[in-house]
Protein backbone atom coordinates (compact mmCIF):
# COMPACT_ATOMS: atom_id res chain seq x y z
CA MET A 1 37.84 14.85 127.56
CA ASP A 2 40.33 17.07 125.73
CA GLN A 3 39.00 19.90 123.73
CA PHE A 4 41.92 19.71 121.24
CA PRO A 5 42.80 16.36 119.65
CA ALA A 6 46.43 15.40 119.47
CA THR A 7 48.16 16.57 116.30
CA ASN A 8 51.30 14.50 116.63
CA THR A 9 50.99 11.40 114.49
CA GLY A 10 54.01 9.91 116.13
CA GLY A 11 56.24 9.88 113.10
CA GLY A 12 58.31 12.92 113.90
CA PRO A 13 59.39 15.45 111.29
CA GLN A 14 59.15 14.19 107.75
CA PRO A 15 62.21 14.71 105.50
CA GLU A 16 61.64 16.62 102.28
CA PRO A 17 62.23 14.73 99.05
CA SER A 18 65.74 15.29 97.77
CA GLY A 19 64.90 15.29 94.04
CA PRO A 20 62.31 14.43 91.43
CA SER A 21 60.47 11.22 91.93
CA GLU A 22 60.91 10.22 88.27
CA ASP A 23 64.00 8.49 87.01
CA VAL A 24 65.88 11.11 84.94
CA ARG A 25 67.96 9.58 82.18
CA GLU A 26 70.33 11.21 79.74
CA PRO A 27 69.06 11.18 76.15
CA SER A 28 70.62 8.63 73.89
CA MET A 29 72.81 9.60 70.95
CA ALA A 30 70.01 8.52 68.60
CA GLN A 31 67.56 10.83 70.38
CA ILE A 32 70.02 13.72 70.18
CA LEU A 33 70.63 13.11 66.47
CA ALA A 34 66.89 12.85 65.81
CA ALA A 35 66.31 16.15 67.60
CA ILE A 36 69.11 17.81 65.61
CA GLU A 37 67.70 16.46 62.36
CA ALA A 38 64.18 17.66 63.22
CA SER A 39 65.58 21.08 64.08
CA GLY A 40 67.50 21.16 60.79
CA GLN A 41 64.35 20.27 58.87
CA ALA A 42 62.46 23.05 60.64
CA VAL A 43 65.21 25.52 59.72
CA GLN A 44 65.11 24.34 56.08
CA ALA A 45 61.33 24.85 56.02
CA GLN A 46 61.79 28.39 57.38
CA ILE A 47 64.47 29.11 54.76
CA ALA A 48 62.14 27.86 52.02
CA ALA A 49 59.35 30.11 53.33
CA ILE A 50 61.71 33.09 53.41
CA ALA A 51 62.84 32.32 49.85
CA MET A 52 59.20 32.30 48.71
CA ASP A 53 58.64 35.64 50.46
CA VAL A 54 61.72 37.08 48.75
CA ASN A 55 60.44 35.91 45.36
CA LEU A 56 57.06 37.51 46.03
CA LEU A 57 58.76 40.75 47.07
CA ARG A 58 60.84 40.68 43.87
CA THR A 59 57.68 40.23 41.82
CA ASP A 60 56.02 43.11 43.67
CA LEU A 61 59.09 45.31 43.19
CA ARG A 62 59.17 44.50 39.48
CA ALA A 63 55.49 45.45 39.15
CA VAL A 64 55.99 48.68 41.09
CA THR A 65 59.01 49.55 38.96
CA GLU A 66 57.04 48.94 35.77
CA ARG A 67 54.19 51.14 37.03
CA SER A 68 56.71 53.80 38.01
CA VAL A 69 58.27 53.78 34.54
CA ALA A 70 54.82 53.98 32.94
CA THR A 71 53.90 56.87 35.24
CA GLU A 72 57.12 58.68 34.38
CA GLN A 73 56.34 58.25 30.69
CA GLN A 74 52.84 59.62 31.25
CA VAL A 75 54.24 62.59 33.16
CA SER A 76 56.70 63.23 30.34
CA THR A 77 53.90 63.08 27.76
CA ILE A 78 51.74 65.42 29.85
CA GLN A 79 54.67 67.81 30.21
CA MET A 80 55.19 67.85 26.41
CA ASP A 81 51.44 68.44 25.90
CA LEU A 82 51.55 71.27 28.42
CA ASP A 83 54.54 72.83 26.68
CA ALA A 84 52.72 72.59 23.34
CA LEU A 85 49.63 74.22 24.88
CA LYS A 86 51.76 77.04 26.30
CA ALA A 87 53.28 77.59 22.86
CA ASN A 88 49.79 77.65 21.30
CA VAL A 89 48.61 80.15 23.90
CA ALA A 90 51.64 82.36 23.24
CA THR A 91 50.96 82.18 19.49
CA LEU A 92 47.29 83.04 20.00
CA GLU A 93 48.22 85.92 22.27
CA ALA A 94 50.65 87.25 19.65
CA LYS A 95 47.99 86.94 16.92
CA THR A 96 45.43 88.64 19.12
CA ILE A 97 47.80 91.51 19.85
CA LYS A 98 48.67 91.80 16.15
CA GLU A 99 44.99 91.80 15.15
CA ALA A 100 44.18 94.38 17.80
CA ARG A 101 46.95 96.64 16.48
CA SER A 102 45.74 96.13 12.92
CA GLU A 103 42.22 97.13 13.93
CA GLN A 104 43.57 100.21 15.70
CA CYS A 105 45.55 101.13 12.60
CA LEU A 106 42.47 100.76 10.40
CA LYS A 107 40.45 102.90 12.76
CA GLY A 108 43.21 105.46 12.78
CA ASP A 109 43.92 105.22 16.52
CA ILE A 110 47.60 104.63 15.90
């Protein structure tokens, strides 16, 4: 008895398949047009979404601009208040110096 069984099935070398086993057909004109229309609808939906995003960005920009203008007005008001305070301080300093000189004159230091 053989230790190794025969491996030759008797058919010889098998040829490899030359192509896909399915029947490949070209798409019909209707299928092509349907695909183009679906693609166009998808593009229109993307354009609509982008338009909505642009409108939201415009709204955000408008709000930021309004806040910026309000902040600039507040800064301007604060600057005017600061200038007024500086003027008050200068006036008080002048009065203080004048009063100090008056006191020195009354005491006879000057």
